[in-house]
Amino acid sequence: MATFSTPRTRCSCHFLTFLLPTLLLISYIQNSDAASKQSTTNTAFITTSCNPTTYPALCYKTLSPYAASVRKNPLRLCKTALTVTIKAASNATKMVSKLAKQKGITSGEAAVIKDCIENLQDSVYELKQSVKAMGSLGSAADKEFQMSNVKTWVSAAITDENTCMDGFSGRKASVAVKNKIRSNILGLARLTSNTLSLINHLSY
């Protein structure tokens, strides 16, 4: 038997065809707005946290890409800052090691560079130890003592980075070698300083 659609049936089909995309669009807009607001909140948290640091612009530049994963979690922010700093320290170590192999490096420069590499390797180790100490913070019986360990490790890393730069004072290295190494180590030292500042402001 043949069936025929009535005007009312056709009207209902047209209505549903229009309604479904509209509802999907509304849902998409609402989700986009919510995500946008969350992103703004996360970024604002990074800005607020970086303001008390010694180099706030550098702090924001290096940590804002991680705003979505950090959210508004101060502990997660400190761990992220440590991870970023460790990566920078490792890269600086590789850069200085590569420079040591270049032709034209004098024996005096080679000796200073060798000391600098050792300082940077110590810095990487100390920063990694601070990550381990912070990872144990949740289960630590004495959180204040554990945080003191974290700060001590990061402070030691700063000392080693500064020692590396101090080694190039005087006439032990050419201006070109000094400038290349100092520009990298100075950036690292500032990152580490910011990380320590964030840790010092951490409530636990």
N, C-alpha and C. Protein backbone atom coordinates (compact mmCIF):
# COMPACT_ATOMS: atom_id res chain seq x y z
N MET A 1 0.85 -1.19 0.00
CA MET A 1 0.00 0.00 0.00
C MET A 1 0.89 1.24 0.00
N ALA A 2 0.58 2.18 -0.82
CA ALA A 2 1.37 3.41 -0.92
C ALA A 2 1.09 4.31 0.26
N THR A 3 2.13 4.99 0.72
CA THR A 3 1.97 5.94 1.83
C THR A 3 2.25 7.34 1.32
N PHE A 4 1.57 8.25 1.89
CA PHE A 4 1.70 9.64 1.47
C PHE A 4 2.02 10.48 2.70
N SER A 5 2.94 11.41 2.54
CA SER A 5 3.27 12.31 3.65
C SER A 5 2.34 13.49 3.63
N THR A 6 1.87 13.81 4.80
CA THR A 6 0.96 14.95 4.93
C THR A 6 1.78 16.21 5.05
N PRO A 7 1.20 17.35 4.83
CA PRO A 7 1.91 18.63 5.00
C PRO A 7 2.51 18.77 6.39
N ARG A 8 1.78 18.24 7.42
CA ARG A 8 2.28 18.36 8.78
C ARG A 8 3.55 17.53 8.97
N THR A 9 3.57 16.31 8.38
CA THR A 9 4.74 15.45 8.48
C THR A 9 5.95 16.10 7.83
N ARG A 10 5.74 16.65 6.63
CA ARG A 10 6.83 17.31 5.92
C ARG A 10 7.34 18.51 6.72
N CYS A 11 6.44 19.21 7.35
CA CYS A 11 6.82 20.38 8.15
C CYS A 11 7.68 19.97 9.34
N SER A 12 7.30 18.84 10.00
CA SER A 12 8.05 18.34 11.15
C SER A 12 9.46 17.95 10.75
N CYS A 13 9.57 17.31 9.58
CA CYS A 13 10.90 16.88 9.10
C CYS A 13 11.79 18.08 8.83
N HIS A 14 11.22 19.10 8.21
CA HIS A 14 11.98 20.31 7.92
C HIS A 14 12.43 20.99 9.22
N PHE A 15 11.54 20.97 10.21
CA PHE A 15 11.85 21.61 11.49
C PHE A 15 13.01 20.90 12.19
N LEU A 16 12.95 19.54 12.19
CA LEU A 16 14.01 18.76 12.83
C LEU A 16 15.33 18.93 12.09
N THR A 17 15.25 19.01 10.77
CA THR A 17 16.46 19.21 9.97
C THR A 17 17.12 20.54 10.31
N PHE A 18 16.34 21.53 10.62
CA PHE A 18 16.87 22.85 10.99
C PHE A 18 17.32 22.87 12.44
N LEU A 19 16.57 22.17 13.31
CA LEU A 19 16.82 22.23 14.75
C LEU A 19 18.14 21.57 15.14
N LEU A 20 18.43 20.40 14.57
CA LEU A 20 19.63 19.66 14.97
C LEU A 20 20.92 20.44 14.74
N PRO A 21 21.16 20.99 13.55
CA PRO A 21 22.38 21.80 13.36
C PRO A 21 22.44 23.02 14.28
N THR A 22 21.27 23.60 14.55
CA THR A 22 21.22 24.77 15.43
C THR A 22 21.66 24.41 16.84
N LEU A 23 21.16 23.28 17.33
CA LEU A 23 21.54 22.83 18.67
C LEU A 23 23.03 22.50 18.75
N LEU A 24 23.54 21.87 17.69
CA LEU A 24 24.96 21.55 17.65
C LEU A 24 25.81 22.82 17.64
N LEU A 25 25.35 23.83 16.91
CA LEU A 25 26.08 25.09 16.84
C LEU A 25 26.09 25.78 18.20
N ILE A 26 24.95 25.79 18.87
CA ILE A 26 24.85 26.41 20.20
C ILE A 26 25.78 25.70 21.18
N SER A 27 25.79 24.36 21.12
CA SER A 27 26.65 23.58 22.01
C SER A 27 28.12 23.88 21.76
N TYR A 28 28.46 24.01 20.48
CA TYR A 28 29.85 24.31 20.10
C TYR A 28 30.27 25.68 20.63
N ILE A 29 29.39 26.66 20.48
CA ILE A 29 29.69 28.02 20.93
C ILE A 29 29.86 28.06 22.44
N GLN A 30 28.98 27.35 23.16
CA GLN A 30 29.07 27.33 24.62
C GLN A 30 30.37 26.68 25.09
N ASN A 31 30.72 25.57 24.43
CA ASN A 31 31.96 24.88 24.80
C ASN A 31 33.18 25.74 24.48
N SER A 32 33.12 26.44 23.36
CA SER A 32 34.23 27.31 22.96
C SER A 32 34.39 28.46 23.95
N ASP A 33 33.26 29.03 24.37
CA ASP A 33 33.30 30.12 25.35
C ASP A 33 33.89 29.65 26.67
N ALA A 34 33.47 28.45 27.09
CA ALA A 34 33.96 27.91 28.36
C ALA A 34 35.46 27.65 28.28
N ALA A 35 35.90 27.10 27.15
CA ALA A 35 37.33 26.82 26.97
C ALA A 35 38.14 28.11 26.93
N SER A 36 37.56 29.13 26.29
CA SER A 36 38.24 30.42 26.20
C SER A 36 38.39 31.06 27.58
N LYS A 37 37.32 31.00 28.38
CA LYS A 37 37.37 31.56 29.73
C LYS A 37 38.39 30.82 30.59
N GLN A 38 38.42 29.47 30.44
CA GLN A 38 39.36 28.67 31.21
C GLN A 38 40.79 29.00 30.83
N SER A 39 41.02 29.18 29.52
CA SER A 39 42.36 29.53 29.03
C SER A 39 42.81 30.88 29.58
N THR A 40 41.88 31.84 29.59
CA THR A 40 42.19 33.17 30.11
C THR A 40 42.53 33.11 31.60
N THR A 41 41.77 32.31 32.34
CA THR A 41 42.00 32.15 33.78
C THR A 41 43.37 31.52 34.04
N ASN A 42 43.69 30.49 33.26
CA ASN A 42 44.98 29.80 33.43
C ASN A 42 46.15 30.72 33.13
N THR A 43 46.01 31.51 32.07
CA THR A 43 47.07 32.44 31.68
C THR A 43 47.23 33.53 32.73
N ALA A 44 46.11 33.99 33.27
CA ALA A 44 46.15 35.02 34.32
C ALA A 44 46.87 34.50 35.56
N PHE A 45 46.70 33.22 35.84
CA PHE A 45 47.39 32.61 36.99
C PHE A 45 48.90 32.64 36.79
N ILE A 46 49.34 32.34 35.56
CA ILE A 46 50.77 32.39 35.26
C ILE A 46 51.31 33.81 35.46
N THR A 47 50.55 34.78 34.96
CA THR A 47 50.97 36.18 35.08
C THR A 47 51.10 36.60 36.54
N THR A 48 50.08 36.29 37.33
CA THR A 48 50.08 36.64 38.75
C THR A 48 51.23 35.97 39.50
N SER A 49 51.48 34.71 39.17
CA SER A 49 52.54 33.96 39.83
C SER A 49 53.92 34.48 39.46
N CYS A 50 54.06 34.96 38.23
CA CYS A 50 55.36 35.43 37.75
C CYS A 50 55.69 36.85 38.22
N ASN A 51 54.69 37.60 38.57
CA ASN A 51 54.91 39.01 38.94
C ASN A 51 55.95 39.21 40.06
N PRO A 52 55.96 38.37 41.11
CA PRO A 52 56.94 38.59 42.19
C PRO A 52 58.36 38.12 41.84
N THR A 53 58.54 37.42 40.73
CA THR A 53 59.87 36.90 40.40
C THR A 53 60.80 38.03 39.97
N THR A 54 62.08 37.74 39.91
CA THR A 54 63.07 38.76 39.55
C THR A 54 62.96 39.15 38.08
N TYR A 55 62.59 38.18 37.25
CA TYR A 55 62.47 38.43 35.81
C TYR A 55 61.08 37.98 35.34
N PRO A 56 60.04 38.76 35.65
CA PRO A 56 58.66 38.35 35.36
C PRO A 56 58.37 38.12 33.88
N ALA A 57 58.95 38.94 33.01
CA ALA A 57 58.69 38.78 31.57
C ALA A 57 59.22 37.44 31.08
N LEU A 58 60.42 37.09 31.52
CA LEU A 58 61.01 35.80 31.16
C LEU A 58 60.21 34.66 31.75
N CYS A 59 59.76 34.83 32.96
CA CYS A 59 58.94 33.83 33.65
C CYS A 59 57.67 33.54 32.85
N TYR A 60 56.99 34.60 32.45
CA TYR A 60 55.74 34.43 31.69
C TYR A 60 56.02 33.79 30.33
N LYS A 61 57.07 34.24 29.68
CA LYS A 61 57.40 33.73 28.34
C LYS A 61 57.67 32.23 28.36
N THR A 62 58.36 31.77 29.39
CA THR A 62 58.75 30.36 29.45
C THR A 62 57.65 29.45 30.01
N LEU A 63 56.76 30.00 30.82
CA LEU A 63 55.75 29.15 31.48
C LEU A 63 54.35 29.27 30.90
N SER A 64 54.04 30.37 30.22
CA SER A 64 52.69 30.53 29.65
C SER A 64 52.31 29.44 28.66
N PRO A 65 53.26 28.84 27.90
CA PRO A 65 52.87 27.75 27.00
C PRO A 65 52.32 26.53 27.74
N TYR A 66 52.57 26.46 29.05
CA TYR A 66 52.11 25.31 29.85
C TYR A 66 50.89 25.66 30.70
N ALA A 67 50.26 26.79 30.41
CA ALA A 67 49.13 27.26 31.22
C ALA A 67 48.01 26.23 31.29
N ALA A 68 47.73 25.57 30.18
CA ALA A 68 46.62 24.61 30.14
C ALA A 68 46.87 23.41 31.04
N SER A 69 48.11 22.96 31.12
CA SER A 69 48.43 21.80 31.96
C SER A 69 48.65 22.20 33.42
N VAL A 70 49.15 23.40 33.63
CA VAL A 70 49.37 23.89 35.00
C VAL A 70 48.05 24.26 35.66
N ARG A 71 47.14 24.85 34.85
CA ARG A 71 45.86 25.37 35.35
C ARG A 71 46.13 26.40 36.45
N LYS A 72 45.57 26.19 37.63
CA LYS A 72 45.81 27.14 38.73
C LYS A 72 46.45 26.41 39.91
N ASN A 73 47.35 25.49 39.59
CA ASN A 73 47.97 24.66 40.60
C ASN A 73 49.41 25.13 40.87
N PRO A 74 49.66 25.77 42.01
CA PRO A 74 51.00 26.32 42.31
C PRO A 74 52.10 25.26 42.33
N LEU A 75 51.80 24.09 42.89
CA LEU A 75 52.80 23.02 42.94
C LEU A 75 53.16 22.55 41.54
N ARG A 76 52.14 22.39 40.71
CA ARG A 76 52.38 21.97 39.32
C ARG A 76 53.18 23.03 38.57
N LEU A 77 52.94 24.30 38.90
CA LEU A 77 53.69 25.39 38.26
C LEU A 77 55.17 25.30 38.62
N CYS A 78 55.46 25.04 39.88
CA CYS A 78 56.86 24.93 40.33
C CYS A 78 57.55 23.73 39.67
N LYS A 79 56.83 22.62 39.58
CA LYS A 79 57.40 21.44 38.93
C LYS A 79 57.68 21.71 37.46
N THR A 80 56.77 22.43 36.82
CA THR A 80 56.95 22.78 35.41
C THR A 80 58.14 23.70 35.24
N ALA A 81 58.26 24.67 36.13
CA ALA A 81 59.40 25.61 36.08
C ALA A 81 60.72 24.86 36.24
N LEU A 82 60.74 23.87 37.12
CA LEU A 82 61.95 23.07 37.31
C LEU A 82 62.28 22.27 36.05
N THR A 83 61.25 21.69 35.44
CA THR A 83 61.45 20.91 34.22
C THR A 83 62.02 21.77 33.10
N VAL A 84 61.45 22.97 32.95
CA VAL A 84 61.92 23.90 31.92
C VAL A 84 63.37 24.32 32.20
N THR A 85 63.68 24.55 33.46
CA THR A 85 65.03 24.97 33.83
C THR A 85 66.05 23.86 33.62
N ILE A 86 65.67 22.63 33.93
CA ILE A 86 66.56 21.49 33.71
C ILE A 86 66.88 21.34 32.22
N LYS A 87 65.87 21.51 31.40
CA LYS A 87 66.08 21.42 29.95
C LYS A 87 67.05 22.51 29.48
N ALA A 88 66.86 23.72 30.01
CA ALA A 88 67.75 24.84 29.65
C ALA A 88 69.18 24.57 30.12
N ALA A 89 69.32 24.00 31.31
CA ALA A 89 70.65 23.69 31.85
C ALA A 89 71.34 22.61 31.01
N SER A 90 70.57 21.63 30.60
CA SER A 90 71.12 20.56 29.75
C SER A 90 71.57 21.11 28.40
N ASN A 91 70.75 22.00 27.84
CA ASN A 91 71.11 22.62 26.55
C ASN A 91 72.35 23.49 26.67
N ALA A 92 72.45 24.21 27.79
CA ALA A 92 73.63 25.06 28.02
C ALA A 92 74.89 24.21 28.15
N THR A 93 74.76 23.08 28.82
CA THR A 93 75.90 22.16 28.97
C THR A 93 76.37 21.65 27.61
N LYS A 94 75.41 21.28 26.77
CA LYS A 94 75.75 20.80 25.42
C LYS A 94 76.42 21.89 24.60
N MET A 95 75.92 23.12 24.73
CA MET A 95 76.47 24.24 23.97
C MET A 95 77.92 24.50 24.36
N VAL A 96 78.19 24.52 25.67
CA VAL A 96 79.54 24.79 26.15
C VAL A 96 80.48 23.64 25.77
N SER A 97 79.98 22.41 25.86
CA SER A 97 80.79 21.25 25.49
C SER A 97 81.15 21.29 24.01
N LYS A 98 80.21 21.72 23.20
CA LYS A 98 80.46 21.83 21.76
C LYS A 98 81.49 22.92 21.48
N LEU A 99 81.40 24.00 22.23
CA LEU A 99 82.35 25.11 22.06
C LEU A 99 83.77 24.68 22.40
N ALA A 100 83.90 23.79 23.37
CA ALA A 100 85.22 23.33 23.80
C ALA A 100 85.95 22.57 22.69
N LYS A 101 85.17 22.03 21.75
CA LYS A 101 85.76 21.22 20.67
C LYS A 101 86.10 22.04 19.43
N GLN A 102 85.76 23.32 19.46
CA GLN A 102 86.03 24.16 18.30
C GLN A 102 87.53 24.44 18.14
N LYS A 103 87.93 24.64 16.89
CA LYS A 103 89.33 24.96 16.61
C LYS A 103 89.64 26.38 17.08
N GLY A 104 90.85 26.60 17.49
CA GLY A 104 91.27 27.94 17.89
C GLY A 104 91.11 28.23 19.36
N ILE A 105 90.55 27.27 20.11
CA ILE A 105 90.40 27.46 21.56
C ILE A 105 91.78 27.32 22.22
N THR A 106 92.16 28.31 23.00
CA THR A 106 93.47 28.28 23.66
C THR A 106 93.44 27.34 24.86
N SER A 107 94.61 27.00 25.36
CA SER A 107 94.69 26.11 26.53
C SER A 107 94.03 26.75 27.75
N GLY A 108 94.20 28.09 27.87
CA GLY A 108 93.56 28.80 28.98
C GLY A 108 92.05 28.76 28.89
N GLU A 109 91.54 28.97 27.68
CA GLU A 109 90.09 28.92 27.46
C GLU A 109 89.56 27.51 27.70
N ALA A 110 90.32 26.51 27.25
CA ALA A 110 89.90 25.12 27.42
C ALA A 110 89.76 24.76 28.89
N ALA A 111 90.68 25.26 29.70
CA ALA A 111 90.64 24.98 31.15
C ALA A 111 89.42 25.62 31.80
N VAL A 112 89.14 26.86 31.42
CA VAL A 112 87.98 27.57 31.99
C VAL A 112 86.68 26.91 31.53
N ILE A 113 86.64 26.53 30.26
CA ILE A 113 85.45 25.88 29.71
C ILE A 113 85.21 24.55 30.41
N LYS A 114 86.28 23.81 30.67
CA LYS A 114 86.16 22.52 31.36
C LYS A 114 85.54 22.71 32.74
N ASP A 115 86.01 23.72 33.46
CA ASP A 115 85.45 24.01 34.78
C ASP A 115 83.98 24.39 34.67
N CYS A 116 83.65 25.16 33.64
CA CYS A 116 82.27 25.60 33.44
C CYS A 116 81.36 24.41 33.17
N ILE A 117 81.83 23.48 32.35
CA ILE A 117 81.04 22.28 32.04
C ILE A 117 80.75 21.50 33.32
N GLU A 118 81.75 21.38 34.17
CA GLU A 118 81.56 20.67 35.44
C GLU A 118 80.54 21.39 36.32
N ASN A 119 80.61 22.71 36.34
CA ASN A 119 79.63 23.50 37.10
C ASN A 119 78.22 23.27 36.58
N LEU A 120 78.08 23.26 35.26
CA LEU A 120 76.76 23.09 34.65
C LEU A 120 76.23 21.68 34.88
N GLN A 121 77.10 20.70 34.81
CA GLN A 121 76.68 19.32 35.09
C GLN A 121 76.20 19.19 36.53
N ASP A 122 76.89 19.87 37.43
CA ASP A 122 76.45 19.90 38.83
C ASP A 122 75.09 20.57 38.95
N SER A 123 74.90 21.64 38.19
CA SER A 123 73.63 22.37 38.22
C SER A 123 72.48 21.48 37.77
N VAL A 124 72.69 20.73 36.69
CA VAL A 124 71.66 19.81 36.19
C VAL A 124 71.33 18.77 37.25
N TYR A 125 72.36 18.22 37.87
CA TYR A 125 72.17 17.21 38.92
C TYR A 125 71.36 17.78 40.08
N GLU A 126 71.73 18.97 40.52
CA GLU A 126 71.07 19.60 41.66
C GLU A 126 69.61 19.92 41.36
N LEU A 127 69.34 20.37 40.15
CA LEU A 127 67.95 20.66 39.76
C LEU A 127 67.12 19.38 39.72
N LYS A 128 67.73 18.29 39.24
CA LYS A 128 67.02 17.01 39.21
C LYS A 128 66.75 16.50 40.62
N GLN A 129 67.69 16.75 41.51
CA GLN A 129 67.49 16.36 42.91
C GLN A 129 66.35 17.16 43.54
N SER A 130 66.22 18.41 43.14
CA SER A 130 65.13 19.23 43.67
C SER A 130 63.78 18.71 43.19
N VAL A 131 63.74 18.20 41.96
CA VAL A 131 62.50 17.60 41.44
C VAL A 131 62.13 16.37 42.25
N LYS A 132 63.12 15.54 42.56
CA LYS A 132 62.87 14.35 43.37
C LYS A 132 62.36 14.73 44.76
N ALA A 133 62.98 15.74 45.34
CA ALA A 133 62.57 16.19 46.68
C ALA A 133 61.15 16.73 46.65
N MET A 134 60.82 17.45 45.60
CA MET A 134 59.47 18.00 45.49
C MET A 134 58.45 16.90 45.23
N GLY A 135 58.88 15.86 44.51
CA GLY A 135 57.98 14.74 44.24
C GLY A 135 57.61 13.98 45.50
N SER A 136 58.46 14.05 46.51
CA SER A 136 58.21 13.37 47.78
C SER A 136 57.47 14.25 48.78
N LEU A 137 57.13 15.45 48.36
CA LEU A 137 56.53 16.42 49.28
C LEU A 137 55.21 15.93 49.84
N GLY A 138 54.40 15.28 48.99
CA GLY A 138 53.07 14.84 49.43
C GLY A 138 53.11 13.79 50.51
N SER A 139 54.13 12.92 50.48
CA SER A 139 54.22 11.84 51.46
C SER A 139 55.18 12.15 52.61
N ALA A 140 55.79 13.31 52.56
CA ALA A 140 56.79 13.67 53.58
C ALA A 140 56.11 13.96 54.92
N ALA A 141 56.71 13.43 55.99
CA ALA A 141 56.17 13.70 57.32
C ALA A 141 56.43 15.14 57.73
N ASP A 142 57.59 15.64 57.34
CA ASP A 142 57.96 17.02 57.65
C ASP A 142 58.08 17.79 56.34
N LYS A 143 56.98 18.40 55.92
CA LYS A 143 56.96 19.10 54.63
C LYS A 143 57.90 20.31 54.62
N GLU A 144 58.01 20.97 55.75
CA GLU A 144 58.88 22.14 55.82
C GLU A 144 60.34 21.75 55.58
N PHE A 145 60.75 20.62 56.16
CA PHE A 145 62.11 20.13 55.96
C PHE A 145 62.33 19.73 54.50
N GLN A 146 61.33 19.09 53.92
CA GLN A 146 61.44 18.66 52.53
C GLN A 146 61.53 19.85 51.58
N MET A 147 60.74 20.90 51.85
CA MET A 147 60.79 22.10 51.02
C MET A 147 62.13 22.81 51.19
N SER A 148 62.68 22.71 52.38
CA SER A 148 64.00 23.29 52.62
C SER A 148 65.04 22.60 51.74
N ASN A 149 64.89 21.29 51.57
CA ASN A 149 65.79 20.54 50.70
C ASN A 149 65.66 21.00 49.25
N VAL A 150 64.41 21.20 48.82
CA VAL A 150 64.16 21.66 47.45
C VAL A 150 64.87 22.99 47.21
N LYS A 151 64.67 23.92 48.13
CA LYS A 151 65.28 25.25 48.00
C LYS A 151 66.80 25.19 48.03
N THR A 152 67.33 24.30 48.86
CA THR A 152 68.79 24.16 48.95
C THR A 152 69.38 23.67 47.64
N TRP A 153 68.72 22.70 47.02
CA TRP A 153 69.20 22.17 45.74
C TRP A 153 69.17 23.24 44.65
N VAL A 154 68.07 23.99 44.58
CA VAL A 154 67.95 25.02 43.55
C VAL A 154 68.96 26.15 43.79
N SER A 155 69.15 26.51 45.04
CA SER A 155 70.14 27.55 45.38
C SER A 155 71.54 27.10 44.99
N ALA A 156 71.84 25.82 45.20
CA ALA A 156 73.14 25.28 44.82
C ALA A 156 73.34 25.35 43.31
N ALA A 157 72.25 25.11 42.57
CA ALA A 157 72.32 25.18 41.10
C ALA A 157 72.66 26.60 40.66
N ILE A 158 72.04 27.59 41.30
CA ILE A 158 72.33 28.99 40.98
C ILE A 158 73.79 29.31 41.25
N THR A 159 74.31 28.83 42.37
CA THR A 159 75.71 29.06 42.72
C THR A 159 76.64 28.50 41.66
N ASP A 160 76.36 27.29 41.20
CA ASP A 160 77.20 26.66 40.17
C ASP A 160 77.14 27.42 38.85
N GLU A 161 75.96 27.90 38.50
CA GLU A 161 75.81 28.67 37.25
C GLU A 161 76.60 29.98 37.33
N ASN A 162 76.53 30.63 38.47
CA ASN A 162 77.29 31.88 38.66
C ASN A 162 78.80 31.62 38.68
N THR A 163 79.19 30.49 39.26
CA THR A 163 80.61 30.12 39.29
C THR A 163 81.14 29.92 37.88
N CYS A 164 80.32 29.33 37.03
CA CYS A 164 80.70 29.15 35.63
C CYS A 164 80.97 30.50 34.98
N MET A 165 80.07 31.45 35.18
CA MET A 165 80.25 32.78 34.57
C MET A 165 81.44 33.51 35.16
N ASP A 166 81.65 33.37 36.47
CA ASP A 166 82.77 34.05 37.12
C ASP A 166 84.12 33.56 36.59
N GLY A 167 84.14 32.32 36.14
CA GLY A 167 85.37 31.75 35.63
C GLY A 167 85.89 32.43 34.38
N PHE A 168 85.01 33.18 33.71
CA PHE A 168 85.40 33.84 32.47
C PHE A 168 85.78 35.31 32.69
N SER A 169 85.85 35.72 33.94
CA SER A 169 86.29 37.08 34.22
C SER A 169 87.80 37.17 34.04
N GLY A 170 88.31 38.36 33.85
CA GLY A 170 89.74 38.53 33.61
C GLY A 170 90.10 38.25 32.16
N ARG A 171 91.29 37.74 31.94
CA ARG A 171 91.78 37.56 30.58
C ARG A 171 91.98 36.08 30.22
N LYS A 172 91.22 35.23 30.82
CA LYS A 172 91.39 33.80 30.57
C LYS A 172 90.72 33.35 29.27
N ALA A 173 89.87 34.18 28.73
CA ALA A 173 89.16 33.80 27.50
C ALA A 173 88.96 35.03 26.63
N SER A 174 88.81 34.79 25.34
CA SER A 174 88.58 35.90 24.41
C SER A 174 87.20 36.48 24.62
N VAL A 175 87.00 37.68 24.13
CA VAL A 175 85.70 38.35 24.26
C VAL A 175 84.61 37.53 23.58
N ALA A 176 84.92 36.96 22.41
CA ALA A 176 83.93 36.18 21.66
C ALA A 176 83.47 34.96 22.45
N VAL A 177 84.43 34.26 23.05
CA VAL A 177 84.10 33.07 23.84
C VAL A 177 83.31 33.47 25.08
N LYS A 178 83.77 34.53 25.76
CA LYS A 178 83.06 35.01 26.95
C LYS A 178 81.61 35.35 26.64
N ASN A 179 81.41 36.13 25.60
CA ASN A 179 80.06 36.60 25.26
C ASN A 179 79.14 35.44 24.91
N LYS A 180 79.66 34.48 24.14
CA LYS A 180 78.82 33.36 23.72
C LYS A 180 78.37 32.53 24.91
N ILE A 181 79.30 32.26 25.81
CA ILE A 181 78.97 31.43 26.97
C ILE A 181 78.13 32.21 27.98
N ARG A 182 78.51 33.43 28.25
CA ARG A 182 77.79 34.22 29.26
C ARG A 182 76.34 34.48 28.86
N SER A 183 76.09 34.70 27.57
CA SER A 183 74.72 34.97 27.13
C SER A 183 73.82 33.77 27.41
N ASN A 184 74.36 32.57 27.21
CA ASN A 184 73.59 31.35 27.48
C ASN A 184 73.44 31.08 28.97
N ILE A 185 74.53 31.22 29.71
CA ILE A 185 74.49 30.93 31.14
C ILE A 185 73.68 31.98 31.89
N LEU A 186 73.75 33.22 31.43
CA LEU A 186 72.97 34.28 32.08
C LEU A 186 71.48 34.00 31.97
N GLY A 187 71.05 33.56 30.79
CA GLY A 187 69.64 33.21 30.61
C GLY A 187 69.23 32.06 31.50
N LEU A 188 70.12 31.07 31.62
CA LEU A 188 69.86 29.93 32.50
C LEU A 188 69.78 30.36 33.95
N ALA A 189 70.71 31.20 34.38
CA ALA A 189 70.73 31.68 35.77
C ALA A 189 69.45 32.44 36.11
N ARG A 190 68.95 33.19 35.15
CA ARG A 190 67.71 33.93 35.38
C ARG A 190 66.51 32.99 35.49
N LEU A 191 66.50 31.96 34.66
CA LEU A 191 65.44 30.96 34.75
C LEU A 191 65.46 30.29 36.12
N THR A 192 66.65 29.92 36.56
CA THR A 192 66.79 29.24 37.85
C THR A 192 66.38 30.16 38.99
N SER A 193 66.73 31.43 38.87
CA SER A 193 66.34 32.42 39.88
C SER A 193 64.82 32.54 39.96
N ASN A 194 64.17 32.58 38.81
CA ASN A 194 62.71 32.64 38.78
C ASN A 194 62.09 31.40 39.41
N THR A 195 62.67 30.25 39.11
CA THR A 195 62.16 29.00 39.66
C THR A 195 62.24 29.00 41.18
N LEU A 196 63.37 29.46 41.71
CA LEU A 196 63.52 29.53 43.16
C LEU A 196 62.51 30.50 43.77
N SER A 197 62.26 31.60 43.09
CA SER A 197 61.28 32.57 43.58
C SER A 197 59.89 31.96 43.64
N LEU A 198 59.51 31.20 42.62
CA LEU A 198 58.20 30.53 42.61
C LEU A 198 58.11 29.53 43.75
N ILE A 199 59.19 28.80 43.98
CA ILE A 199 59.21 27.82 45.07
C ILE A 199 59.12 28.52 46.42
N ASN A 200 59.80 29.64 46.56
CA ASN A 200 59.75 30.39 47.83
C ASN A 200 58.35 30.90 48.15
N HIS A 201 57.55 31.14 47.11
CA HIS A 201 56.18 31.63 47.31
C HIS A 201 55.16 30.50 47.38
N LEU A 202 55.64 29.26 47.34
CA LEU A 202 54.73 28.11 47.34
C LEU A 202 54.23 27.83 48.75
N SER A 203 52.91 27.71 48.89
CA SER A 203 52.32 27.34 50.18
C SER A 203 52.20 25.82 50.24
N TYR A 204 52.53 25.23 51.35
CA TYR A 204 52.51 23.76 51.47
C TYR A 204 52.04 23.34 52.85
